[in-house]
Amino acid sequence: THEIDEEVFADGTVHKYEGSKKWSGGYLGDGEFHPLEEMLMDKISDA
């Protein structure tokens, strides 16, 4: 999971940059999965 940070300058321009990263597995524990995991696994299986 990538956080995207941004900095707004006085002239109104916005600079976006990659902030923190957090790694996790598809299985979150207690019978819960990452929200996209089931859909992605179905697509990988179909492929």
ModelCIF file with pLDDT and N, C-alpha, C, O atoms, coordinates in Angstrom:
data_MODEL
#
_entry.id   MODEL 
#
_entity.id                         1 
_entity.type                       polymer 
_entity.pdbx_number_of_molecules   1 
#
_entity_poly.entity_id                      1 
_entity_poly.type                           'polypeptide(L)' 
_entity_poly.nstd_linkage                   no 
_entity_poly.nstd_monomer                   no 
_entity_poly.pdbx_seq_one_letter_code       THEIDEEVFADGTVHKYEGSKKWSGGYLGDGEFHPLEEMLMDKISDA 
_entity_poly.pdbx_seq_one_letter_code_can   THEIDEEVFADGTVHKYEGSKKWSGGYLGDGEFHPLEEMLMDKISDA 
_entity_poly.pdbx_strand_id                 A 
#
loop_
_entity_poly_seq.entity_id 
_entity_poly_seq.num 
_entity_poly_seq.mon_id 
_entity_poly_seq.hetero 
1 1  THR n 
1 2  HIS n 
1 3  GLU n 
1 4  ILE n 
1 5  ASP n 
1 6  GLU n 
1 7  GLU n 
1 8  VAL n 
1 9  PHE n 
1 10 ALA n 
1 11 ASP n 
1 12 GLY n 
1 13 THR n 
1 14 VAL n 
1 15 HIS n 
1 16 LYS n 
1 17 TYR n 
1 18 GLU n 
1 19 GLY n 
1 20 SER n 
1 21 LYS n 
1 22 LYS n 
1 23 TRP n 
1 24 SER n 
1 25 GLY n 
1 26 GLY n 
1 27 TYR n 
1 28 LEU n 
1 29 GLY n 
1 30 ASP n 
1 31 GLY n 
1 32 GLU n 
1 33 PHE n 
1 34 HIS n 
1 35 PRO n 
1 36 LEU n 
1 37 GLU n 
1 38 GLU n 
1 39 MET n 
1 40 LEU n 
1 41 MET n 
1 42 ASP n 
1 43 LYS n 
1 44 ILE n 
1 45 SER n 
1 46 ASP n 
1 47 ALA n 
#
_struct_asym.id          A 
_struct_asym.entity_id   1 
#
loop_
_ma_qa_metric.id 
_ma_qa_metric.mode 
_ma_qa_metric.name 
_ma_qa_metric.software_group_id 
_ma_qa_metric.type 
1 global pLDDT . pLDDT 
2 local  pLDDT . pLDDT 
#
_ma_qa_metric_global.metric_id      1 
_ma_qa_metric_global.metric_value   85.45 
_ma_qa_metric_global.model_id       1 
_ma_qa_metric_global.ordinal_id     1 
#
loop_
_ma_qa_metric_local.label_asym_id 
_ma_qa_metric_local.label_comp_id 
_ma_qa_metric_local.label_seq_id 
_ma_qa_metric_local.metric_id 
_ma_qa_metric_local.metric_value 
_ma_qa_metric_local.model_id 
_ma_qa_metric_local.ordinal_id 
A THR 1  2 85.00 1 1  
A HIS 2  2 82.00 1 2  
A GLU 3  2 82.00 1 3  
A ILE 4  2 78.00 1 4  
A ASP 5  2 80.00 1 5  
A GLU 6  2 81.00 1 6  
A GLU 7  2 83.00 1 7  
A VAL 8  2 86.00 1 8  
A PHE 9  2 89.00 1 9  
A ALA 10 2 90.00 1 10 
A ASP 11 2 91.00 1 11 
A GLY 12 2 88.00 1 12 
A THR 13 2 90.00 1 13 
A VAL 14 2 85.00 1 14 
A HIS 15 2 83.00 1 15 
A LYS 16 2 79.00 1 16 
A TYR 17 2 75.00 1 17 
A GLU 18 2 75.00 1 18 
A GLY 19 2 76.00 1 19 
A SER 20 2 80.00 1 20 
A LYS 21 2 85.00 1 21 
A LYS 22 2 86.00 1 22 
A TRP 23 2 86.00 1 23 
A SER 24 2 85.00 1 24 
A GLY 25 2 85.00 1 25 
A GLY 26 2 85.00 1 26 
A TYR 27 2 82.00 1 27 
A LEU 28 2 82.00 1 28 
A GLY 29 2 84.00 1 29 
A ASP 30 2 91.00 1 30 
A GLY 31 2 88.00 1 31 
A GLU 32 2 86.00 1 32 
A PHE 33 2 85.00 1 33 
A HIS 34 2 84.00 1 34 
A PRO 35 2 83.00 1 35 
A LEU 36 2 84.00 1 36 
A GLU 37 2 85.00 1 37 
A GLU 38 2 84.00 1 38 
A MET 39 2 88.00 1 39 
A LEU 40 2 89.00 1 40 
A MET 41 2 89.00 1 41 
A ASP 42 2 92.00 1 42 
A LYS 43 2 93.00 1 43 
A ILE 44 2 93.00 1 44 
A SER 45 2 94.00 1 45 
A ASP 46 2 95.00 1 46 
A ALA 47 2 95.00 1 47 
#
loop_
_atom_site.group_PDB 
_atom_site.id 
_atom_site.type_symbol 
_atom_site.label_atom_id 
_atom_site.label_alt_id 
_atom_site.label_comp_id 
_atom_site.label_asym_id 
_atom_site.label_entity_id 
_atom_site.label_seq_id 
_atom_site.pdbx_PDB_ins_code 
_atom_site.Cartn_x 
_atom_site.Cartn_y 
_atom_site.Cartn_z 
_atom_site.occupancy 
_atom_site.B_iso_or_equiv 
_atom_site.pdbx_formal_charge 
_atom_site.auth_seq_id 
_atom_site.auth_comp_id 
_atom_site.auth_asym_id 
_atom_site.auth_atom_id 
_atom_site.pdbx_PDB_model_num 
ATOM 1   N N  . THR A 1 1  ? 0.865   -1.186  0.000   1.00 85.00 ? 1  THR A N  1 
ATOM 2   C CA . THR A 1 1  ? 0.000   0.000   0.000   1.00 85.00 ? 1  THR A CA 1 
ATOM 3   C C  . THR A 1 1  ? 0.895   1.226   0.000   1.00 85.00 ? 1  THR A C  1 
ATOM 4   O O  . THR A 1 1  ? 1.727   1.402   0.889   1.00 85.00 ? 1  THR A O  1 
ATOM 5   N N  . HIS A 1 2  ? 0.716   2.065   -1.000  1.00 82.00 ? 2  HIS A N  1 
ATOM 6   C CA . HIS A 1 2  ? 1.531   3.265   -1.180  1.00 82.00 ? 2  HIS A CA 1 
ATOM 7   C C  . HIS A 1 2  ? 0.710   4.496   -0.784  1.00 82.00 ? 2  HIS A C  1 
ATOM 8   O O  . HIS A 1 2  ? -0.392  4.713   -1.288  1.00 82.00 ? 2  HIS A O  1 
ATOM 9   N N  . GLU A 1 3  ? 1.249   5.266   0.093   1.00 82.00 ? 3  GLU A N  1 
ATOM 10  C CA . GLU A 1 3  ? 0.650   6.566   0.409   1.00 82.00 ? 3  GLU A CA 1 
ATOM 11  C C  . GLU A 1 3  ? 1.249   7.583   -0.555  1.00 82.00 ? 3  GLU A C  1 
ATOM 12  O O  . GLU A 1 3  ? 2.461   7.590   -0.773  1.00 82.00 ? 3  GLU A O  1 
ATOM 13  N N  . ILE A 1 4  ? 0.427   8.425   -1.122  1.00 78.00 ? 4  ILE A N  1 
ATOM 14  C CA . ILE A 1 4  ? 0.898   9.480   -2.008  1.00 78.00 ? 4  ILE A CA 1 
ATOM 15  C C  . ILE A 1 4  ? 0.762   10.801  -1.255  1.00 78.00 ? 4  ILE A C  1 
ATOM 16  O O  . ILE A 1 4  ? -0.339  11.212  -0.890  1.00 78.00 ? 4  ILE A O  1 
ATOM 17  N N  . ASP A 1 5  ? 1.879   11.448  -1.031  1.00 80.00 ? 5  ASP A N  1 
ATOM 18  C CA . ASP A 1 5  ? 1.886   12.735  -0.340  1.00 80.00 ? 5  ASP A CA 1 
ATOM 19  C C  . ASP A 1 5  ? 2.001   13.842  -1.370  1.00 80.00 ? 5  ASP A C  1 
ATOM 20  O O  . ASP A 1 5  ? 2.464   13.621  -2.489  1.00 80.00 ? 5  ASP A O  1 
ATOM 21  N N  . GLU A 1 6  ? 1.582   15.011  -0.989  1.00 81.00 ? 6  GLU A N  1 
ATOM 22  C CA . GLU A 1 6  ? 1.722   16.143  -1.905  1.00 81.00 ? 6  GLU A CA 1 
ATOM 23  C C  . GLU A 1 6  ? 2.094   17.400  -1.136  1.00 81.00 ? 6  GLU A C  1 
ATOM 24  O O  . GLU A 1 6  ? 1.767   17.569  0.038   1.00 81.00 ? 6  GLU A O  1 
ATOM 25  N N  . GLU A 1 7  ? 2.780   18.257  -1.837  1.00 83.00 ? 7  GLU A N  1 
ATOM 26  C CA . GLU A 1 7  ? 3.203   19.536  -1.271  1.00 83.00 ? 7  GLU A CA 1 
ATOM 27  C C  . GLU A 1 7  ? 2.701   20.625  -2.204  1.00 83.00 ? 7  GLU A C  1 
ATOM 28  O O  . GLU A 1 7  ? 2.958   20.589  -3.408  1.00 83.00 ? 7  GLU A O  1 
ATOM 29  N N  . VAL A 1 8  ? 1.984   21.596  -1.645  1.00 86.00 ? 8  VAL A N  1 
ATOM 30  C CA . VAL A 1 8  ? 1.463   22.705  -2.443  1.00 86.00 ? 8  VAL A CA 1 
ATOM 31  C C  . VAL A 1 8  ? 2.349   23.926  -2.190  1.00 86.00 ? 8  VAL A C  1 
ATOM 32  O O  . VAL A 1 8  ? 2.559   24.337  -1.049  1.00 86.00 ? 8  VAL A O  1 
ATOM 33  N N  . PHE A 1 9  ? 2.859   24.493  -3.278  1.00 89.00 ? 9  PHE A N  1 
ATOM 34  C CA . PHE A 1 9  ? 3.746   25.645  -3.170  1.00 89.00 ? 9  PHE A CA 1 
ATOM 35  C C  . PHE A 1 9  ? 2.946   26.941  -3.241  1.00 89.00 ? 9  PHE A C  1 
ATOM 36  O O  . PHE A 1 9  ? 1.782   26.945  -3.640  1.00 89.00 ? 9  PHE A O  1 
ATOM 37  N N  . ALA A 1 10 ? 3.581   28.030  -2.851  1.00 90.00 ? 10 ALA A N  1 
ATOM 38  C CA . ALA A 1 10 ? 2.923   29.339  -2.805  1.00 90.00 ? 10 ALA A CA 1 
ATOM 39  C C  . ALA A 1 10 ? 2.337   29.734  -4.162  1.00 90.00 ? 10 ALA A C  1 
ATOM 40  O O  . ALA A 1 10 ? 1.316   30.419  -4.216  1.00 90.00 ? 10 ALA A O  1 
ATOM 41  N N  . ASP A 1 11 ? 2.971   29.308  -5.256  1.00 91.00 ? 11 ASP A N  1 
ATOM 42  C CA . ASP A 1 11 ? 2.462   29.671  -6.584  1.00 91.00 ? 11 ASP A CA 1 
ATOM 43  C C  . ASP A 1 11 ? 1.325   28.763  -7.046  1.00 91.00 ? 11 ASP A C  1 
ATOM 44  O O  . ASP A 1 11 ? 0.834   28.903  -8.166  1.00 91.00 ? 11 ASP A O  1 
ATOM 45  N N  . GLY A 1 12 ? 0.908   27.837  -6.189  1.00 88.00 ? 12 GLY A N  1 
ATOM 46  C CA . GLY A 1 12 ? -0.211  26.963  -6.503  1.00 88.00 ? 12 GLY A CA 1 
ATOM 47  C C  . GLY A 1 12 ? 0.174   25.643  -7.140  1.00 88.00 ? 12 GLY A C  1 
ATOM 48  O O  . GLY A 1 12 ? -0.683  24.776  -7.310  1.00 88.00 ? 12 GLY A O  1 
ATOM 49  N N  . THR A 1 13 ? 1.425   25.465  -7.494  1.00 90.00 ? 13 THR A N  1 
ATOM 50  C CA . THR A 1 13 ? 1.826   24.192  -8.071  1.00 90.00 ? 13 THR A CA 1 
ATOM 51  C C  . THR A 1 13 ? 1.839   23.109  -6.996  1.00 90.00 ? 13 THR A C  1 
ATOM 52  O O  . THR A 1 13 ? 2.116   23.363  -5.823  1.00 90.00 ? 13 THR A O  1 
ATOM 53  N N  . VAL A 1 14 ? 1.534   21.917  -7.434  1.00 85.00 ? 14 VAL A N  1 
ATOM 54  C CA . VAL A 1 14 ? 1.449   20.788  -6.513  1.00 85.00 ? 14 VAL A CA 1 
ATOM 55  C C  . VAL A 1 14 ? 2.489   19.755  -6.921  1.00 85.00 ? 14 VAL A C  1 
ATOM 56  O O  . VAL A 1 14 ? 2.567   19.356  -8.083  1.00 85.00 ? 14 VAL A O  1 
ATOM 57  N N  . HIS A 1 15 ? 3.274   19.333  -5.960  1.00 83.00 ? 15 HIS A N  1 
ATOM 58  C CA . HIS A 1 15 ? 4.266   18.283  -6.179  1.00 83.00 ? 15 HIS A CA 1 
ATOM 59  C C  . HIS A 1 15 ? 3.799   17.053  -5.422  1.00 83.00 ? 15 HIS A C  1 
ATOM 60  O O  . HIS A 1 15 ? 3.649   17.081  -4.201  1.00 83.00 ? 15 HIS A O  1 
ATOM 61  N N  . LYS A 1 16 ? 3.566   15.949  -6.175  1.00 79.00 ? 16 LYS A N  1 
ATOM 62  C CA . LYS A 1 16 ? 3.158   14.695  -5.541  1.00 79.00 ? 16 LYS A CA 1 
ATOM 63  C C  . LYS A 1 16 ? 4.359   13.766  -5.498  1.00 79.00 ? 16 LYS A C  1 
ATOM 64  O O  . LYS A 1 16 ? 5.153   13.715  -6.437  1.00 79.00 ? 16 LYS A O  1 
ATOM 65  N N  . TYR A 1 17 ? 4.483   13.042  -4.416  1.00 75.00 ? 17 TYR A N  1 
ATOM 66  C CA . TYR A 1 17 ? 5.577   12.101  -4.264  1.00 75.00 ? 17 TYR A CA 1 
ATOM 67  C C  . TYR A 1 17 ? 5.121   10.919  -3.424  1.00 75.00 ? 17 TYR A C  1 
ATOM 68  O O  . TYR A 1 17 ? 4.178   11.002  -2.638  1.00 75.00 ? 17 TYR A O  1 
ATOM 69  N N  . GLU A 1 18 ? 5.826   9.825   -3.623  1.00 75.00 ? 18 GLU A N  1 
ATOM 70  C CA . GLU A 1 18 ? 5.472   8.624   -2.890  1.00 75.00 ? 18 GLU A CA 1 
ATOM 71  C C  . GLU A 1 18 ? 5.879   8.770   -1.437  1.00 75.00 ? 18 GLU A C  1 
ATOM 72  O O  . GLU A 1 18 ? 7.023   9.089   -1.115  1.00 75.00 ? 18 GLU A O  1 
ATOM 73  N N  . GLY A 1 19 ? 4.922   8.529   -0.584  1.00 76.00 ? 19 GLY A N  1 
ATOM 74  C CA . GLY A 1 19 ? 5.188   8.607   0.846   1.00 76.00 ? 19 GLY A CA 1 
ATOM 75  C C  . GLY A 1 19 ? 5.505   7.230   1.396   1.00 76.00 ? 19 GLY A C  1 
ATOM 76  O O  . GLY A 1 19 ? 6.325   6.505   0.832   1.00 76.00 ? 19 GLY A O  1 
ATOM 77  N N  . SER A 1 20 ? 4.872   6.873   2.471   1.00 80.00 ? 20 SER A N  1 
ATOM 78  C CA . SER A 1 20 ? 5.174   5.616   3.150   1.00 80.00 ? 20 SER A CA 1 
ATOM 79  C C  . SER A 1 20 ? 4.603   4.415   2.391   1.00 80.00 ? 20 SER A C  1 
ATOM 80  O O  . SER A 1 20 ? 3.677   4.541   1.590   1.00 80.00 ? 20 SER A O  1 
ATOM 81  N N  . LYS A 1 21 ? 5.183   3.263   2.669   1.00 85.00 ? 21 LYS A N  1 
ATOM 82  C CA . LYS A 1 21 ? 4.717   1.996   2.114   1.00 85.00 ? 21 LYS A CA 1 
ATOM 83  C C  . LYS A 1 21 ? 4.430   1.049   3.270   1.00 85.00 ? 21 LYS A C  1 
ATOM 84  O O  . LYS A 1 21 ? 5.130   1.043   4.283   1.00 85.00 ? 21 LYS A O  1 
ATOM 85  N N  . LYS A 1 22 ? 3.390   0.254   3.097   1.00 86.00 ? 22 LYS A N  1 
ATOM 86  C CA . LYS A 1 22 ? 3.056   -0.751  4.101   1.00 86.00 ? 22 LYS A CA 1 
ATOM 87  C C  . LYS A 1 22 ? 2.786   -2.065  3.364   1.00 86.00 ? 22 LYS A C  1 
ATOM 88  O O  . LYS A 1 22 ? 1.968   -2.112  2.445   1.00 86.00 ? 22 LYS A O  1 
ATOM 89  N N  . TRP A 1 23 ? 3.471   -3.114  3.768   1.00 86.00 ? 23 TRP A N  1 
ATOM 90  C CA . TRP A 1 23 ? 3.303   -4.418  3.149   1.00 86.00 ? 23 TRP A CA 1 
ATOM 91  C C  . TRP A 1 23 ? 2.334   -5.260  3.969   1.00 86.00 ? 23 TRP A C  1 
ATOM 92  O O  . TRP A 1 23 ? 2.314   -5.191  5.198   1.00 86.00 ? 23 TRP A O  1 
ATOM 93  N N  . SER A 1 24 ? 1.526   -6.060  3.264   1.00 85.00 ? 24 SER A N  1 
ATOM 94  C CA . SER A 1 24 ? 0.611   -6.979  3.951   1.00 85.00 ? 24 SER A CA 1 
ATOM 95  C C  . SER A 1 24 ? 0.318   -8.153  3.029   1.00 85.00 ? 24 SER A C  1 
ATOM 96  O O  . SER A 1 24 ? 0.644   -8.131  1.842   1.00 85.00 ? 24 SER A O  1 
ATOM 97  N N  . GLY A 1 25 ? -0.294  -9.157  3.591   1.00 85.00 ? 25 GLY A N  1 
ATOM 98  C CA . GLY A 1 25 ? -0.706  -10.310 2.805   1.00 85.00 ? 25 GLY A CA 1 
ATOM 99  C C  . GLY A 1 25 ? -2.151  -10.156 2.382   1.00 85.00 ? 25 GLY A C  1 
ATOM 100 O O  . GLY A 1 25 ? -2.858  -9.269  2.860   1.00 85.00 ? 25 GLY A O  1 
ATOM 101 N N  . GLY A 1 26 ? -2.585  -11.019 1.488   1.00 85.00 ? 26 GLY A N  1 
ATOM 102 C CA . GLY A 1 26 ? -3.978  -10.989 1.045   1.00 85.00 ? 26 GLY A CA 1 
ATOM 103 C C  . GLY A 1 26 ? -4.933  -11.394 2.149   1.00 85.00 ? 26 GLY A C  1 
ATOM 104 O O  . GLY A 1 26 ? -6.057  -10.896 2.228   1.00 85.00 ? 26 GLY A O  1 
ATOM 105 N N  . TYR A 1 27 ? -4.474  -12.312 3.010   1.00 82.00 ? 27 TYR A N  1 
ATOM 106 C CA . TYR A 1 27 ? -5.279  -12.743 4.139   1.00 82.00 ? 27 TYR A CA 1 
ATOM 107 C C  . TYR A 1 27 ? -4.966  -11.845 5.324   1.00 82.00 ? 27 TYR A C  1 
ATOM 108 O O  . TYR A 1 27 ? -3.816  -11.751 5.754   1.00 82.00 ? 27 TYR A O  1 
ATOM 109 N N  . LEU A 1 28 ? -5.981  -11.192 5.844   1.00 82.00 ? 28 LEU A N  1 
ATOM 110 C CA . LEU A 1 28 ? -5.785  -10.237 6.930   1.00 82.00 ? 28 LEU A CA 1 
ATOM 111 C C  . LEU A 1 28 ? -5.984  -10.843 8.317   1.00 82.00 ? 28 LEU A C  1 
ATOM 112 O O  . LEU A 1 28 ? -5.688  -10.205 9.327   1.00 82.00 ? 28 LEU A O  1 
ATOM 113 N N  . GLY A 1 29 ? -6.488  -12.078 8.361   1.00 84.00 ? 29 GLY A N  1 
ATOM 114 C CA . GLY A 1 29 ? -6.745  -12.738 9.640   1.00 84.00 ? 29 GLY A CA 1 
ATOM 115 C C  . GLY A 1 29 ? -8.220  -12.742 9.978   1.00 84.00 ? 29 GLY A C  1 
ATOM 116 O O  . GLY A 1 29 ? -8.988  -11.954 9.425   1.00 84.00 ? 29 GLY A O  1 
ATOM 117 N N  . ASP A 1 30 ? -8.620  -13.608 10.868  1.00 91.00 ? 30 ASP A N  1 
ATOM 118 C CA . ASP A 1 30 ? -10.006 -13.732 11.324  1.00 91.00 ? 30 ASP A CA 1 
ATOM 119 C C  . ASP A 1 30 ? -10.989 -13.883 10.159  1.00 91.00 ? 30 ASP A C  1 
ATOM 120 O O  . ASP A 1 30 ? -12.089 -13.330 10.193  1.00 91.00 ? 30 ASP A O  1 
ATOM 121 N N  . GLY A 1 31 ? -10.588 -14.633 9.132   1.00 88.00 ? 31 GLY A N  1 
ATOM 122 C CA . GLY A 1 31 ? -11.480 -14.877 7.989   1.00 88.00 ? 31 GLY A CA 1 
ATOM 123 C C  . GLY A 1 31 ? -11.635 -13.701 7.042   1.00 88.00 ? 31 GLY A C  1 
ATOM 124 O O  . GLY A 1 31 ? -12.470 -13.739 6.138   1.00 88.00 ? 31 GLY A O  1 
ATOM 125 N N  . GLU A 1 32 ? -10.843 -12.657 7.237   1.00 86.00 ? 32 GLU A N  1 
ATOM 126 C CA . GLU A 1 32 ? -10.935 -11.455 6.407   1.00 86.00 ? 32 GLU A CA 1 
ATOM 127 C C  . GLU A 1 32 ? -9.805  -11.415 5.383   1.00 86.00 ? 32 GLU A C  1 
ATOM 128 O O  . GLU A 1 32 ? -8.672  -11.799 5.672   1.00 86.00 ? 32 GLU A O  1 
ATOM 129 N N  . PHE A 1 33 ? -10.137 -10.939 4.174   1.00 85.00 ? 33 PHE A N  1 
ATOM 130 C CA . PHE A 1 33 ? -9.159  -10.786 3.110   1.00 85.00 ? 33 PHE A CA 1 
ATOM 131 C C  . PHE A 1 33 ? -9.095  -9.333  2.670   1.00 85.00 ? 33 PHE A C  1 
ATOM 132 O O  . PHE A 1 33 ? -10.023 -8.559  2.901   1.00 85.00 ? 33 PHE A O  1 
ATOM 133 N N  . HIS A 1 34 ? -7.989  -8.975  2.034   1.00 84.00 ? 34 HIS A N  1 
ATOM 134 C CA . HIS A 1 34 ? -7.871  -7.645  1.442   1.00 84.00 ? 34 HIS A CA 1 
ATOM 135 C C  . HIS A 1 34 ? -9.055  -7.461  0.493   1.00 84.00 ? 34 HIS A C  1 
ATOM 136 O O  . HIS A 1 34 ? -9.443  -8.414  -0.183  1.00 84.00 ? 34 HIS A O  1 
ATOM 137 N N  . PRO A 1 35 ? -9.643  -6.255  0.424   1.00 83.00 ? 35 PRO A N  1 
ATOM 138 C CA . PRO A 1 35 ? -10.846 -6.045  -0.388  1.00 83.00 ? 35 PRO A CA 1 
ATOM 139 C C  . PRO A 1 35 ? -10.730 -6.498  -1.854  1.00 83.00 ? 35 PRO A C  1 
ATOM 140 O O  . PRO A 1 35 ? -11.729 -6.909  -2.444  1.00 83.00 ? 35 PRO A O  1 
ATOM 141 N N  . LEU A 1 36 ? -9.549  -6.431  -2.442  1.00 84.00 ? 36 LEU A N  1 
ATOM 142 C CA . LEU A 1 36 ? -9.395  -6.808  -3.843  1.00 84.00 ? 36 LEU A CA 1 
ATOM 143 C C  . LEU A 1 36 ? -8.925  -8.246  -4.034  1.00 84.00 ? 36 LEU A C  1 
ATOM 144 O O  . LEU A 1 36 ? -8.884  -8.732  -5.164  1.00 84.00 ? 36 LEU A O  1 
ATOM 145 N N  . GLU A 1 37 ? -8.576  -8.923  -2.965  1.00 85.00 ? 37 GLU A N  1 
ATOM 146 C CA . GLU A 1 37 ? -7.929  -10.228 -3.075  1.00 85.00 ? 37 GLU A CA 1 
ATOM 147 C C  . GLU A 1 37 ? -8.772  -11.259 -3.820  1.00 85.00 ? 37 GLU A C  1 
ATOM 148 O O  . GLU A 1 37 ? -8.264  -11.939 -4.712  1.00 85.00 ? 37 GLU A O  1 
ATOM 149 N N  . GLU A 1 38 ? -10.034 -11.384 -3.473  1.00 84.00 ? 38 GLU A N  1 
ATOM 150 C CA . GLU A 1 38 ? -10.875 -12.405 -4.117  1.00 84.00 ? 38 GLU A CA 1 
ATOM 151 C C  . GLU A 1 38 ? -11.023 -12.133 -5.614  1.00 84.00 ? 38 GLU A C  1 
ATOM 152 O O  . GLU A 1 38 ? -10.900 -13.050 -6.427  1.00 84.00 ? 38 GLU A O  1 
ATOM 153 N N  . MET A 1 39 ? -11.284 -10.895 -5.975  1.00 88.00 ? 39 MET A N  1 
ATOM 154 C CA . MET A 1 39 ? -11.444 -10.537 -7.379  1.00 88.00 ? 39 MET A CA 1 
ATOM 155 C C  . MET A 1 39 ? -10.151 -10.782 -8.151  1.00 88.00 ? 39 MET A C  1 
ATOM 156 O O  . MET A 1 39 ? -10.190 -11.329 -9.254  1.00 88.00 ? 39 MET A O  1 
ATOM 157 N N  . LEU A 1 40 ? -9.010  -10.387 -7.593  1.00 89.00 ? 40 LEU A N  1 
ATOM 158 C CA . LEU A 1 40 ? -7.734  -10.575 -8.268  1.00 89.00 ? 40 LEU A CA 1 
ATOM 159 C C  . LEU A 1 40 ? -7.381  -12.054 -8.400  1.00 89.00 ? 40 LEU A C  1 
ATOM 160 O O  . LEU A 1 40 ? -6.887  -12.478 -9.445  1.00 89.00 ? 40 LEU A O  1 
ATOM 161 N N  . MET A 1 41 ? -7.624  -12.834 -7.369  1.00 89.00 ? 41 MET A N  1 
ATOM 162 C CA . MET A 1 41 ? -7.339  -14.266 -7.440  1.00 89.00 ? 41 MET A CA 1 
ATOM 163 C C  . MET A 1 41 ? -8.217  -14.940 -8.494  1.00 89.00 ? 41 MET A C  1 
ATOM 164 O O  . MET A 1 41 ? -7.761  -15.844 -9.194  1.00 89.00 ? 41 MET A O  1 
ATOM 165 N N  . ASP A 1 42 ? -9.475  -14.505 -8.610  1.00 92.00 ? 42 ASP A N  1 
ATOM 166 C CA . ASP A 1 42 ? -10.350 -15.044 -9.657  1.00 92.00 ? 42 ASP A CA 1 
ATOM 167 C C  . ASP A 1 42 ? -9.785  -14.734 -11.041 1.00 92.00 ? 42 ASP A C  1 
ATOM 168 O O  . ASP A 1 42 ? -9.788  -15.595 -11.921 1.00 92.00 ? 42 ASP A O  1 
ATOM 169 N N  . LYS A 1 43 ? -9.302  -13.507 -11.234 1.00 93.00 ? 43 LYS A N  1 
ATOM 170 C CA . LYS A 1 43 ? -8.738  -13.114 -12.529 1.00 93.00 ? 43 LYS A CA 1 
ATOM 171 C C  . LYS A 1 43 ? -7.438  -13.865 -12.827 1.00 93.00 ? 43 LYS A C  1 
ATOM 172 O O  . LYS A 1 43 ? -7.205  -14.278 -13.963 1.00 93.00 ? 43 LYS A O  1 
ATOM 173 N N  . ILE A 1 44 ? -6.594  -14.040 -11.809 1.00 93.00 ? 44 ILE A N  1 
ATOM 174 C CA . ILE A 1 44 ? -5.352  -14.800 -11.992 1.00 93.00 ? 44 ILE A CA 1 
ATOM 175 C C  . ILE A 1 44 ? -5.690  -16.248 -12.332 1.00 93.00 ? 44 ILE A C  1 
ATOM 176 O O  . ILE A 1 44 ? -5.073  -16.833 -13.222 1.00 93.00 ? 44 ILE A O  1 
ATOM 177 N N  . SER A 1 45 ? -6.658  -16.830 -11.637 1.00 94.00 ? 45 SER A N  1 
ATOM 178 C CA . SER A 1 45 ? -7.071  -18.203 -11.903 1.00 94.00 ? 45 SER A CA 1 
ATOM 179 C C  . SER A 1 45 ? -7.597  -18.346 -13.331 1.00 94.00 ? 45 SER A C  1 
ATOM 180 O O  . SER A 1 45 ? -7.271  -19.312 -14.020 1.00 94.00 ? 45 SER A O  1 
ATOM 181 N N  . ASP A 1 46 ? -8.408  -17.386 -13.774 1.00 95.00 ? 46 ASP A N  1 
ATOM 182 C CA . ASP A 1 46 ? -8.920  -17.405 -15.152 1.00 95.00 ? 46 ASP A CA 1 
ATOM 183 C C  . ASP A 1 46 ? -7.777  -17.306 -16.157 1.00 95.00 ? 46 ASP A C  1 
ATOM 184 O O  . ASP A 1 46 ? -7.790  -17.992 -17.179 1.00 95.00 ? 46 ASP A O  1 
ATOM 185 N N  . ALA A 1 47 ? -6.795  -16.463 -15.874 1.00 95.00 ? 47 ALA A N  1 
ATOM 186 C CA . ALA A 1 47 ? -5.649  -16.307 -16.779 1.00 95.00 ? 47 ALA A CA 1 
ATOM 187 C C  . ALA A 1 47 ? -4.844  -17.609 -16.851 1.00 95.00 ? 47 ALA A C  1 
ATOM 188 O O  . ALA A 1 47 ? -3.841  -17.676 -17.561 1.00 95.00 ? 47 ALA A O  1 
#
